[in-house]
Structures are given as structure tokens and as C-alpha cells.
PDB file of N, CA and C in Angstrom:
ATOM      1  N   MET A   1     134.702 263.818 140.074  1.00  0.00           N
ATOM      2  CA  MET A   1     134.316 263.567 138.704  1.00  0.00           C
ATOM      3  C   MET A   1     135.388 262.764 137.971  1.00  0.00           C
ATOM      4  N   ILE A   2     136.614 262.895 138.419  1.00  0.00           N
ATOM      5  CA  ILE A   2     137.701 262.165 137.778  1.00  0.00           C
ATOM      6  C   ILE A   2     137.523 260.656 137.964  1.00  0.00           C
ATOM      7  N   TYR A   3     136.935 260.275 139.115  1.00  0.00           N
ATOM      8  CA  TYR A   3     136.716 258.849 139.371  1.00  0.00           C
ATOM      9  C   TYR A   3     135.644 258.275 138.456  1.00  0.00           C
ATOM     10  N   VAL A   4     134.694 259.086 138.058  1.00  0.00           N
ATOM     11  CA  VAL A   4     133.683 258.643 137.087  1.00  0.00           C
ATOM     12  C   VAL A   4     134.363 258.341 135.754  1.00  0.00           C
ATOM     13  N   ALA A   5     135.295 259.203 135.347  1.00  0.00           N
ATOM     14  CA  ALA A   5     136.033 258.974 134.099  1.00  0.00           C
ATOM     15  C   ALA A   5     136.838 257.677 134.182  1.00  0.00           C
ATOM     16  N   ILE A   6     137.465 257.438 135.321  1.00  0.00           N
ATOM     17  CA  ILE A   6     138.264 256.211 135.475  1.00  0.00           C
ATOM     18  C   ILE A   6     137.369 254.977 135.409  1.00  0.00           C
ATOM     19  N   ILE A   7     136.195 255.041 136.023  1.00  0.00           N
ATOM     20  CA  ILE A   7     135.269 253.904 135.976  1.00  0.00           C
ATOM     21  C   ILE A   7     134.786 253.666 134.546  1.00  0.00           C
ATOM     22  N   LEU A   8     134.448 254.745 133.834  1.00  0.00           N
ATOM     23  CA  LEU A   8     133.999 254.597 132.443  1.00  0.00           C
ATOM     24  C   LEU A   8     135.103 254.033 131.555  1.00  0.00           C
ATOM     25  N   PHE A   9     136.328 254.534 131.740  1.00  0.00           N
ATOM     26  CA  PHE A   9     137.448 253.989 130.968  1.00  0.00           C
ATOM     27  C   PHE A   9     137.674 252.519 131.315  1.00  0.00           C
ATOM     28  N   SER A  10     137.509 252.156 132.583  1.00  0.00           N
ATOM     29  CA  SER A  10     137.684 250.761 132.992  1.00  0.00           C
ATOM     30  C   SER A  10     136.661 249.859 132.302  1.00  0.00           C
ATOM     31  N   LEU A  11     135.425 250.320 132.211  1.00  0.00           N
ATOM     32  CA  LEU A  11     134.399 249.544 131.514  1.00  0.00           C
ATOM     33  C   LEU A  11     134.742 249.398 130.029  1.00  0.00           C
ATOM     34  N   ALA A  12     135.231 250.458 129.428  1.00  0.00           N
ATOM     35  CA  ALA A  12     135.631 250.387 128.014  1.00  0.00           C
ATOM     36  C   ALA A  12     136.797 249.412 127.836  1.00  0.00           C
ATOM     37  N   ILE A  13     137.729 249.417 128.787  1.00  0.00           N
ATOM     38  CA  ILE A  13     138.876 248.504 128.706  1.00  0.00           C
ATOM     39  C   ILE A  13     138.411 247.054 128.815  1.00  0.00           C
ATOM     40  N   LEU A  14     137.487 246.788 129.731  1.00  0.00           N
ATOM     41  CA  LEU A  14     136.992 245.409 129.871  1.00  0.00           C
ATOM     42  C   LEU A  14     136.322 244.928 128.590  1.00  0.00           C
ATOM     43  N   LEU A  15     135.529 245.785 127.985  1.00  0.00           N
ATOM     44  CA  LEU A  15     134.916 245.408 126.707  1.00  0.00           C
ATOM     45  C   LEU A  15     135.984 245.216 125.631  1.00  0.00           C
ATOM     46  N   GLY A  16     136.980 246.085 125.616  1.00  0.00           N
ATOM     47  CA  GLY A  16     138.063 245.960 124.640  1.00  0.00           C
ATOM     48  C   GLY A  16     138.839 244.659 124.789  1.00  0.00           C
ATOM     49  N   LEU A  17     139.065 244.241 126.023  1.00  0.00           N
ATOM     50  CA  LEU A  17     139.733 242.956 126.243  1.00  0.00           C
ATOM     51  C   LEU A  17     138.877 241.806 125.713  1.00  0.00           C
ATOM     52  N   GLY A  18     137.571 241.922 125.888  1.00  0.00           N
ATOM     53  CA  GLY A  18     136.671 240.922 125.315  1.00  0.00           C
ATOM     54  C   GLY A  18     136.740 240.902 123.792  1.00  0.00           C
ATOM     55  N   PHE A  19     136.900 242.059 123.196  1.00  0.00           N
ATOM     56  CA  PHE A  19     137.039 242.138 121.738  1.00  0.00           C
ATOM     57  C   PHE A  19     138.308 241.435 121.272  1.00  0.00           C
ATOM     58  N   ILE A  20     139.395 241.677 121.983  1.00  0.00           N
ATOM     59  CA  ILE A  20     140.659 241.031 121.602  1.00  0.00           C
ATOM     60  C   ILE A  20     140.513 239.520 121.666  1.00  0.00           C
ATOM     61  N   TYR A  21     139.852 239.032 122.721  1.00  0.00           N
ATOM     62  CA  TYR A  21     139.616 237.598 122.851  1.00  0.00           C
ATOM     63  C   TYR A  21     138.815 237.073 121.667  1.00  0.00           C
ATOM     64  N   ARG A  22     137.731 237.762 121.308  1.00  0.00           N
ATOM     65  CA  ARG A  22     136.885 237.306 120.213  1.00  0.00           C
ATOM     66  C   ARG A  22     137.601 237.397 118.866  1.00  0.00           C
ATOM     67  N   ILE A  23     138.392 238.450 118.673  1.00  0.00           N
ATOM     68  CA  ILE A  23     139.099 238.606 117.398  1.00  0.00           C
ATOM     69  C   ILE A  23     140.131 237.501 117.224  1.00  0.00           C
ATOM     70  N   THR A  24     140.842 237.155 118.304  1.00  0.00           N
ATOM     71  CA  THR A  24     141.843 236.085 118.197  1.00  0.00           C
ATOM     72  C   THR A  24     141.195 234.727 117.949  1.00  0.00           C
ATOM     73  N   ARG A  25     139.922 234.572 118.306  1.00  0.00           N
ATOM     74  CA  ARG A  25     139.186 233.326 118.050  1.00  0.00           C
ATOM     75  C   ARG A  25     138.430 233.387 116.726  1.00  0.00           C
ATOM     76  N   LYS A  26     138.644 234.467 115.965  1.00  0.00           N
ATOM     77  CA  LYS A  26     138.009 234.668 114.662  1.00  0.00           C
ATOM     78  C   LYS A  26     136.478 234.698 114.757  1.00  0.00           C
ATOM     79  N   LYS A  27     135.975 235.287 115.849  1.00  0.00           N
ATOM     80  CA  LYS A  27     134.536 235.440 116.026  1.00  0.00           C
ATOM     81  C   LYS A  27     134.162 236.896 115.753  1.00  0.00           C
ATOM     82  N   SER A  28     132.916 237.100 115.375  1.00  0.00           N
ATOM     83  CA  SER A  28     132.459 238.467 115.119  1.00  0.00           C
ATOM     84  C   SER A  28     132.179 239.176 116.445  1.00  0.00           C
ATOM     85  N   LEU A  29     132.206 240.486 116.382  1.00  0.00           N
ATOM     86  CA  LEU A  29     131.967 241.296 117.579  1.00  0.00           C
ATOM     87  C   LEU A  29     130.495 241.682 117.636  1.00  0.00           C
ATOM     88  N   PRO A  30     129.864 241.552 118.797  1.00  0.00           N
ATOM     89  CA  PRO A  30     128.472 241.977 118.915  1.00  0.00           C
ATOM     90  C   PRO A  30     128.355 243.501 118.796  1.00  0.00           C
ATOM     91  N   LYS A  31     127.432 243.940 117.968  1.00  0.00           N
ATOM     92  CA  LYS A  31     127.295 245.384 117.726  1.00  0.00           C
ATOM     93  C   LYS A  31     126.974 246.159 118.996  1.00  0.00           C
ATOM     94  N   ALA A  32     126.155 245.606 119.855  1.00  0.00           N
ATOM     95  CA  ALA A  32     125.806 246.304 121.096  1.00  0.00           C
ATOM     96  C   ALA A  32     127.055 246.533 121.949  1.00  0.00           C
ATOM     97  N   ALA A  33     127.941 245.556 121.997  1.00  0.00           N
ATOM     98  CA  ALA A  33     129.176 245.701 122.773  1.00  0.00           C
ATOM     99  C   ALA A  33     130.097 246.740 122.138  1.00  0.00           C
ATOM    100  N   VAL A  34     130.130 246.766 120.808  1.00  0.00           N
ATOM    101  CA  VAL A  34     130.955 247.767 120.114  1.00  0.00           C
ATOM    102  C   VAL A  34     130.445 249.168 120.417  1.00  0.00           C
ATOM    103  N   TYR A  35     129.120 249.339 120.364  1.00  0.00           N
ATOM    104  CA  TYR A  35     128.534 250.649 120.675  1.00  0.00           C
ATOM    105  C   TYR A  35     128.777 251.031 122.136  1.00  0.00           C
ATOM    106  N   ALA A  36     128.638 250.063 123.036  1.00  0.00           N
ATOM    107  CA  ALA A  36     128.858 250.342 124.454  1.00  0.00           C
ATOM    108  C   ALA A  36     130.317 250.720 124.710  1.00  0.00           C
ATOM    109  N   HIS A  37     131.247 250.023 124.066  1.00  0.00           N
ATOM    110  CA  HIS A  37     132.670 250.335 124.206  1.00  0.00           C
ATOM    111  C   HIS A  37     132.943 251.782 123.797  1.00  0.00           C
ATOM    112  N   GLY A  38     132.423 252.163 122.646  1.00  0.00           N
ATOM    113  CA  GLY A  38     132.612 253.529 122.172  1.00  0.00           C
ATOM    114  C   GLY A  38     131.918 254.549 123.056  1.00  0.00           C
ATOM    115  N   ALA A  39     130.732 254.224 123.512  1.00  0.00           N
ATOM    116  CA  ALA A  39     129.992 255.160 124.377  1.00  0.00           C
ATOM    117  C   ALA A  39     130.701 255.364 125.709  1.00  0.00           C
ATOM    118  N   PHE A  40     131.203 254.272 126.309  1.00  0.00           N
ATOM    119  CA  PHE A  40     131.942 254.405 127.570  1.00  0.00           C
ATOM    120  C   PHE A  40     133.195 255.243 127.375  1.00  0.00           C
ATOM    121  N   ALA A  41     133.947 254.963 126.311  1.00  0.00           N
ATOM    122  CA  ALA A  41     135.213 255.669 126.085  1.00  0.00           C
ATOM    123  C   ALA A  41     134.991 257.153 125.781  1.00  0.00           C
ATOM    124  N   ILE A  42     134.036 257.455 124.920  1.00  0.00           N
ATOM    125  CA  ILE A  42     133.787 258.854 124.572  1.00  0.00           C
ATOM    126  C   ILE A  42     133.213 259.612 125.767  1.00  0.00           C
ATOM    127  N   SER A  43     132.318 258.971 126.508  1.00  0.00           N
ATOM    128  CA  SER A  43     131.772 259.611 127.711  1.00  0.00           C
ATOM    129  C   SER A  43     132.885 259.902 128.716  1.00  0.00           C
ATOM    130  N   ALA A  44     133.792 258.960 128.865  1.00  0.00           N
ATOM    131  CA  ALA A  44     134.906 259.160 129.790  1.00  0.00           C
ATOM    132  C   ALA A  44     135.800 260.312 129.338  1.00  0.00           C
ATOM    133  N   CYS A  45     136.044 260.413 128.041  1.00  0.00           N
ATOM    134  CA  CYS A  45     136.850 261.536 127.528  1.00  0.00           C
ATOM    135  C   CYS A  45     136.156 262.867 127.810  1.00  0.00           C
ATOM    136  N   ILE A  46     134.851 262.909 127.626  1.00  0.00           N
ATOM    137  CA  ILE A  46     134.110 264.145 127.892  1.00  0.00           C
ATOM    138  C   ILE A  46     134.162 264.491 129.373  1.00  0.00           C
ATOM    139  N   VAL A  47     133.931 263.505 130.234  1.00  0.00           N
ATOM    140  CA  VAL A  47     133.983 263.751 131.677  1.00  0.00           C
ATOM    141  C   VAL A  47     135.378 264.214 132.088  1.00  0.00           C
ATOM    142  N   LEU A  48     136.407 263.584 131.536  1.00  0.00           N
ATOM    143  CA  LEU A  48     137.778 263.989 131.847  1.00  0.00           C
ATOM    144  C   LEU A  48     138.047 265.418 131.379  1.00  0.00           C
ATOM    145  N   GLY A  49     137.594 265.757 130.181  1.00  0.00           N
ATOM    146  CA  GLY A  49     137.773 267.119 129.676  1.00  0.00           C
ATOM    147  C   GLY A  49     137.058 268.147 130.520  1.00  0.00           C
ATOM    148  N   VAL A  50     135.837 267.847 130.943  1.00  0.00           N
ATOM    149  CA  VAL A  50     135.085 268.767 131.804  1.00  0.00           C
ATOM    150  C   VAL A  50     135.787 268.931 133.145  1.00  0.00           C
ATOM    151  N   ASP A  51     136.298 267.827 133.700  1.00  0.00           N
ATOM    152  CA  ASP A  51     137.003 267.899 134.978  1.00  0.00           C
ATOM    153  C   ASP A  51     138.257 268.765 134.861  1.00  0.00           C
ATOM    154  N   ILE A  52     138.971 268.630 133.765  1.00  0.00           N
ATOM    155  CA  ILE A  52     140.169 269.450 133.555  1.00  0.00           C
ATOM    156  C   ILE A  52     139.786 270.923 133.443  1.00  0.00           C
ATOM    157  N   LEU A  53     138.711 271.214 132.701  1.00  0.00           N
ATOM    158  CA  LEU A  53     138.280 272.608 132.539  1.00  0.00           C
ATOM    159  C   LEU A  53     137.785 273.221 133.847  1.00  0.00           C
ATOM    160  N   GLN A  54     137.166 272.416 134.703  1.00  0.00           N
ATOM    161  CA  GLN A  54     136.669 272.934 135.976  1.00  0.00           C
ATOM    162  C   GLN A  54     137.792 273.248 136.960  1.00  0.00           C
ATOM    163  N   HIS A  55     138.940 272.639 136.766  1.00  0.00           N
ATOM    164  CA  HIS A  55     140.049 272.830 137.695  1.00  0.00           C
ATOM    165  C   HIS A  55     141.259 273.416 136.970  1.00  0.00           C
ATOM    166  N   LEU A  56     141.039 274.439 136.182  1.00  0.00           N
ATOM    167  CA  LEU A  56     142.131 275.025 135.402  1.00  0.00           C
ATOM    168  C   LEU A  56     143.216 275.643 136.270  1.00  0.00           C
ATOM    169  N   GLN A  57     142.839 276.185 137.420  1.00  0.00           N
ATOM    170  CA  GLN A  57     143.845 276.824 138.256  1.00  0.00           C
ATOM    171  C   GLN A  57     144.734 275.787 138.955  1.00  0.00           C
ATOM    172  N   GLY A  58     144.275 274.541 139.038  1.00  0.00           N
ATOM    173  CA  GLY A  58     145.088 273.480 139.634  1.00  0.00           C
ATOM    174  C   GLY A  58     146.116 272.975 138.642  1.00  0.00           C
ATOM    175  N   ARG A  59     147.019 272.180 139.129  1.00  0.00           N
ATOM    176  CA  ARG A  59     148.065 271.603 138.269  1.00  0.00           C
ATOM    177  C   ARG A  59     147.622 270.214 137.808  1.00  0.00           C
ATOM    178  N   HIS A  60     146.894 270.170 136.721  1.00  0.00           N
ATOM    179  CA  HIS A  60     146.378 268.911 136.192  1.00  0.00           C
ATOM    180  C   HIS A  60     147.058 268.574 134.868  1.00  0.00           C
ATOM    181  N   TYR A  61     148.378 268.728 134.822  1.00  0.00           N
ATOM    182  CA  TYR A  61     149.098 268.492 133.580  1.00  0.00           C
ATOM    183  C   TYR A  61     149.065 267.020 133.177  1.00  0.00           C
ATOM    184  N   MET A  62     149.142 266.130 134.159  1.00  0.00           N
ATOM    185  CA  MET A  62     149.132 264.708 133.832  1.00  0.00           C
ATOM    186  C   MET A  62     147.757 264.277 133.303  1.00  0.00           C
ATOM    187  N   GLN A  63     146.704 264.838 133.853  1.00  0.00           N
ATOM    188  CA  GLN A  63     145.370 264.516 133.350  1.00  0.00           C
ATOM    189  C   GLN A  63     145.189 265.047 131.933  1.00  0.00           C
ATOM    190  N   LEU A  64     145.687 266.239 131.685  1.00  0.00           N
ATOM    191  CA  LEU A  64     145.628 266.791 130.330  1.00  0.00           C
ATOM    192  C   LEU A  64     146.470 265.960 129.371  1.00  0.00           C
ATOM    193  N   PHE A  65     147.651 265.548 129.823  1.00  0.00           N
ATOM    194  CA  PHE A  65     148.519 264.699 129.003  1.00  0.00           C
ATOM    195  C   PHE A  65     147.824 263.379 128.685  1.00  0.00           C
ATOM    196  N   SER A  66     147.099 262.843 129.660  1.00  0.00           N
ATOM    197  CA  SER A  66     146.345 261.618 129.442  1.00  0.00           C
ATOM    198  C   SER A  66     145.264 261.835 128.386  1.00  0.00           C
ATOM    199  N   LEU A  67     144.532 262.939 128.490  1.00  0.00           N
ATOM    200  CA  LEU A  67     143.479 263.237 127.524  1.00  0.00           C
ATOM    201  C   LEU A  67     144.050 263.411 126.119  1.00  0.00           C
ATOM    202  N   VAL A  68     145.192 264.066 126.025  1.00  0.00           N
ATOM    203  CA  VAL A  68     145.842 264.254 124.717  1.00  0.00           C
ATOM    204  C   VAL A  68     146.265 262.905 124.134  1.00  0.00           C
ATOM    205  N   ASN A  69     146.661 261.967 124.993  1.00  0.00           N
ATOM    206  CA  ASN A  69     147.029 260.641 124.509  1.00  0.00           C
ATOM    207  C   ASN A  69     145.815 259.799 124.143  1.00  0.00           C
ATOM    208  N   PHE A  70     144.678 260.089 124.738  1.00  0.00           N
ATOM    209  CA  PHE A  70     143.461 259.366 124.364  1.00  0.00           C
ATOM    210  C   PHE A  70     142.966 259.793 122.977  1.00  0.00           C
ATOM    211  N   ALA A  71     143.282 261.001 122.544  1.00  0.00           N
ATOM    212  CA  ALA A  71     142.766 261.518 121.263  1.00  0.00           C
ATOM    213  C   ALA A  71     143.122 260.628 120.071  1.00  0.00           C
ATOM    214  N   PRO A  72     144.399 260.237 119.878  1.00  0.00           N
ATOM    215  CA  PRO A  72     144.676 259.353 118.745  1.00  0.00           C
ATOM    216  C   PRO A  72     144.040 257.978 118.897  1.00  0.00           C
ATOM    217  N   ALA A  73     143.884 257.514 120.138  1.00  0.00           N
ATOM    218  CA  ALA A  73     143.221 256.228 120.350  1.00  0.00           C
ATOM    219  C   ALA A  73     141.754 256.316 119.919  1.00  0.00           C
ATOM    220  N   VAL A  74     141.119 257.449 120.196  1.00  0.00           N
ATOM    221  CA  VAL A  74     139.725 257.648 119.772  1.00  0.00           C
ATOM    222  C   VAL A  74     139.637 257.665 118.244  1.00  0.00           C
ATOM    223  N   LEU A  75     140.563 258.373 117.600  1.00  0.00           N
ATOM    224  CA  LEU A  75     140.549 258.420 116.134  1.00  0.00           C
ATOM    225  C   LEU A  75     140.756 257.031 115.541  1.00  0.00           C
ATOM    226  N   MET A  76     141.660 256.258 116.129  1.00  0.00           N
ATOM    227  CA  MET A  76     141.864 254.888 115.646  1.00  0.00           C
ATOM    228  C   MET A  76     140.625 254.032 115.896  1.00  0.00           C
ATOM    229  N   GLY A  77     139.923 254.308 116.981  1.00  0.00           N
ATOM    230  CA  GLY A  77     138.672 253.598 117.245  1.00  0.00           C
ATOM    231  C   GLY A  77     137.642 253.858 116.154  1.00  0.00           C
ATOM    232  N   PHE A  78     137.564 255.098 115.696  1.00  0.00           N
ATOM    233  CA  PHE A  78     136.655 255.411 114.587  1.00  0.00           C
ATOM    234  C   PHE A  78     137.076 254.670 113.318  1.00  0.00           C
ATOM    235  N   VAL A  79     138.382 254.603 113.054  1.00  0.00           N
ATOM    236  CA  VAL A  79     138.874 253.855 111.885  1.00  0.00           C
ATOM    237  C   VAL A  79     138.467 252.391 111.990  1.00  0.00           C
ATOM    238  N   LEU A  80     138.642 251.816 113.177  1.00  0.00           N
ATOM    239  CA  LEU A  80     138.268 250.412 113.364  1.00  0.00           C
ATOM    240  C   LEU A  80     136.761 250.210 113.210  1.00  0.00           C
ATOM    241  N   TYR A  81     135.987 251.137 113.755  1.00  0.00           N
ATOM    242  CA  TYR A  81     134.536 251.016 113.650  1.00  0.00           C
ATOM    243  C   TYR A  81     134.099 251.042 112.187  1.00  0.00           C
ATOM    244  N   PHE A  82     134.594 252.018 111.432  1.00  0.00           N
ATOM    245  CA  PHE A  82     134.155 252.133 110.045  1.00  0.00           C
ATOM    246  C   PHE A  82     134.739 251.027 109.166  1.00  0.00           C
ATOM    247  N   SER A  83     135.882 250.472 109.531  1.00  0.00           N
ATOM    248  CA  SER A  83     136.403 249.306 108.813  1.00  0.00           C
ATOM    249  C   SER A  83     135.504 248.103 109.061  1.00  0.00           C
ATOM    250  N   GLY A  84     135.037 247.969 110.291  1.00  0.00           N
ATOM    251  CA  GLY A  84     134.163 246.849 110.626  1.00  0.00           C
ATOM    252  C   GLY A  84     132.793 246.951 109.995  1.00  0.00           C
ATOM    253  N   THR A  85     132.284 248.166 109.820  1.00  0.00           N
ATOM    254  CA  THR A  85     130.957 248.319 109.211  1.00  0.00           C
ATOM    255  C   THR A  85     130.986 248.003 107.717  1.00  0.00           C
ATOM    256  N   LYS A  86     132.146 248.116 107.110  1.00  0.00           N
ATOM    257  CA  LYS A  86     132.268 247.800 105.686  1.00  0.00           C
ATOM    258  C   LYS A  86     132.614 246.332 105.459  1.00  0.00           C
ATOM    259  N   LYS A  87     132.573 245.544 106.539  1.00  0.00           N
ATOM    260  CA  LYS A  87     132.871 244.103 106.480  1.00  0.00           C
ATOM    261  C   LYS A  87     134.303 243.827 106.031  1.00  0.00           C
ATOM    262  N   ASN A  88     135.178 244.809 106.187  1.00  0.00           N
ATOM    263  CA  ASN A  88     136.586 244.595 105.902  1.00  0.00           C
ATOM    264  C   ASN A  88     137.236 243.906 107.100  1.00  0.00           C
ATOM    265  N   ARG A  89     138.375 243.286 106.839  1.00  0.00           N
ATOM    266  CA  ARG A  89     139.139 242.706 107.938  1.00  0.00           C
ATOM    267  C   ARG A  89     139.746 243.855 108.728  1.00  0.00           C
ATOM    268  N   LEU A  90     139.636 243.796 110.059  1.00  0.00           N
ATOM    269  CA  LEU A  90     140.176 244.867 110.890  1.00  0.00           C
ATOM    270  C   LEU A  90     141.699 244.822 110.852  1.00  0.00           C
ATOM    271  N   PRO A  91     142.340 245.969 110.604  1.00  0.00           N
ATOM    272  CA  PRO A  91     143.805 245.997 110.515  1.00  0.00           C
ATOM    273  C   PRO A  91     144.452 245.745 111.882  1.00  0.00           C
ATOM    274  N   PRO A  92     145.264 244.674 111.996  1.00  0.00           N
ATOM    275  CA  PRO A  92     145.852 244.324 113.293  1.00  0.00           C
ATOM    276  C   PRO A  92     146.754 245.415 113.863  1.00  0.00           C
ATOM    277  N   LEU A  93     147.453 246.140 113.004  1.00  0.00           N
ATOM    278  CA  LEU A  93     148.336 247.201 113.490  1.00  0.00           C
ATOM    279  C   LEU A  93     147.530 248.315 114.151  1.00  0.00           C
ATOM    280  N   VAL A  94     146.401 248.662 113.563  1.00  0.00           N
ATOM    281  CA  VAL A  94     145.551 249.704 114.138  1.00  0.00           C
ATOM    282  C   VAL A  94     144.927 249.215 115.440  1.00  0.00           C
ATOM    283  N   ILE A  95     144.551 247.936 115.483  1.00  0.00           N
ATOM    284  CA  ILE A  95     144.008 247.374 116.726  1.00  0.00           C
ATOM    285  C   ILE A  95     145.037 247.481 117.841  1.00  0.00           C
ATOM    286  N   GLY A  96     146.269 247.071 117.555  1.00  0.00           N
ATOM    287  CA  GLY A  96     147.327 247.117 118.560  1.00  0.00           C
ATOM    288  C   GLY A  96     147.653 248.529 118.996  1.00  0.00           C
ATOM    289  N   ALA A  97     147.726 249.448 118.037  1.00  0.00           N
ATOM    290  CA  ALA A  97     148.033 250.846 118.368  1.00  0.00           C
ATOM    291  C   ALA A  97     146.896 251.470 119.176  1.00  0.00           C
ATOM    292  N   HIS A  98     145.654 251.176 118.807  1.00  0.00           N
ATOM    293  CA  HIS A  98     144.483 251.686 119.526  1.00  0.00           C
ATOM    294  C   HIS A  98     144.515 251.211 120.982  1.00  0.00           C
ATOM    295  N   ALA A  99     144.706 249.925 121.153  1.00  0.00           N
ATOM    296  CA  ALA A  99     144.725 249.361 122.510  1.00  0.00           C
ATOM    297  C   ALA A  99     145.926 249.875 123.299  1.00  0.00           C
ATOM    298  N   GLY A 100     147.087 249.923 122.673  1.00  0.00           N
ATOM    299  CA  GLY A 100     148.293 250.367 123.373  1.00  0.00           C
ATOM    300  C   GLY A 100     148.218 251.820 123.819  1.00  0.00           C
ATOM    301  N   LEU A 101     147.793 252.700 122.922  1.00  0.00           N
ATOM    302  CA  LEU A 101     147.679 254.113 123.287  1.00  0.00           C
ATOM    303  C   LEU A 101     146.636 254.334 124.378  1.00  0.00           C
ATOM    304  N   ALA A 102     145.513 253.649 124.258  1.00  0.00           N
ATOM    305  CA  ALA A 102     144.468 253.813 125.272  1.00  0.00           C
ATOM    306  C   ALA A 102     144.953 253.304 126.629  1.00  0.00           C
ATOM    307  N   LEU A 103     145.660 252.189 126.630  1.00  0.00           N
ATOM    308  CA  LEU A 103     146.156 251.643 127.891  1.00  0.00           C
ATOM    309  C   LEU A 103     147.201 252.557 128.526  1.00  0.00           C
ATOM    310  N   ILE A 104     148.101 253.100 127.715  1.00  0.00           N
ATOM    311  CA  ILE A 104     149.114 254.037 128.237  1.00  0.00           C
ATOM    312  C   ILE A 104     148.442 255.282 128.806  1.00  0.00           C
ATOM    313  N   ALA A 105     147.474 255.819 128.077  1.00  0.00           N
ATOM    314  CA  ALA A 105     146.763 257.020 128.556  1.00  0.00           C
ATOM    315  C   ALA A 105     146.013 256.712 129.842  1.00  0.00           C
ATOM    316  N   PHE A 106     145.434 255.511 129.966  1.00  0.00           N
ATOM    317  CA  PHE A 106     144.725 255.127 131.188  1.00  0.00           C
ATOM    318  C   PHE A 106     145.685 255.023 132.369  1.00  0.00           C
ATOM    319  N   ILE A 107     146.831 254.435 132.141  1.00  0.00           N
ATOM    320  CA  ILE A 107     147.838 254.317 133.204  1.00  0.00           C
ATOM    321  C   ILE A 107     148.301 255.697 133.656  1.00  0.00           C
ATOM    322  N   ILE A 108     148.500 256.616 132.715  1.00  0.00           N
ATOM    323  CA  ILE A 108     148.889 257.983 133.063  1.00  0.00           C
ATOM    324  C   ILE A 108     147.791 258.643 133.892  1.00  0.00           C
ATOM    325  N   LEU A 109     146.548 258.446 133.502  1.00  0.00           N
ATOM    326  CA  LEU A 109     145.424 259.037 134.233  1.00  0.00           C
ATOM    327  C   LEU A 109     145.353 258.503 135.659  1.00  0.00           C
ATOM    328  N   VAL A 110     145.469 257.208 135.818  1.00  0.00           N
ATOM    329  CA  VAL A 110     145.416 256.624 137.163  1.00  0.00           C
ATOM    330  C   VAL A 110     146.595 257.105 137.997  1.00  0.00           C
ATOM    331  N   ALA A 111     147.778 257.186 137.390  1.00  0.00           N
ATOM    332  CA  ALA A 111     148.948 257.699 138.110  1.00  0.00           C
ATOM    333  C   ALA A 111     148.766 259.161 138.517  1.00  0.00           C
ATOM    334  N   ALA A 112     148.090 259.930 137.700  1.00  0.00           N
ATOM    335  CA  ALA A 112     147.857 261.349 138.021  1.00  0.00           C
ATOM    336  C   ALA A 112     146.929 261.495 139.211  1.00  0.00           C
ATOM    337  N   VAL A 113     145.999 260.570 139.369  1.00  0.00           N
ATOM    338  CA  VAL A 113     145.045 260.662 140.470  1.00  0.00           C
ATOM    339  C   VAL A 113     145.661 260.182 141.775  1.00  0.00           C
ATOM    340  N   LEU A 114     146.555 259.225 141.685  1.00  0.00           N
ATOM    341  CA  LEU A 114     147.169 258.684 142.918  1.00  0.00           C
ATOM    342  C   LEU A 114     148.127 259.630 143.568  1.00  0.00           C
TER     343      LEU A 114
END
């Protein structure tokens, strides 16, 4: 089940990289892609949480640490989503922090599985 979470996070990362490309070109983001990005990321967090709960007797500290690091990235994602729905300019600092935290948490997760 952990591999499903990694695949879902990978899909969210690919969409996020596309967003960065479009934002730097001053283009708008397609709503379907924004929804898919959020759906992949949230689904992956849920799958990761369920996997951690199913294996409580095992030593899954790195996976738990990864999930804890994804939490602020998810909250920043909600901030970005609601900023975008109000037609405000997306705050670059929040974009960078969202992407950076999510990438660090993903690297920790992949390292925990290897």
C-alpha cells in the first residue's frame, strides 16, 4: 500500500511541476489540474496514514515523520487554492514553501521505503 501512496504523490508532484512552469510564464492554471493535484496529494496522505496505522507494531518512524511533514504542505495547498479562487495573486513564498516541504517529505518517504 505504501507504493500506491508513492505513485499518487509522484502524480501530484508532476502536476505541481507543471503549475510552476505555468506560473513562471504568467499563465492561468487549469481548474481540472488543480483539483487533480489536490485529489492525488490528499489521497496519498490518506493511503500513507492507513498504511502507518495498519503496521503500528513495525518501526515506521520515517513514514510517520514524512506524513507529519506533509501536513503543513497540505495546509499551504489549501491557502494557495483559496487564494486562487479569489483571483488574488498567489503568494510566491507560500508556493515555494508548499513545494519545498512536499518535496522534502516525499524524499523522506522514498528513503523510508528503500
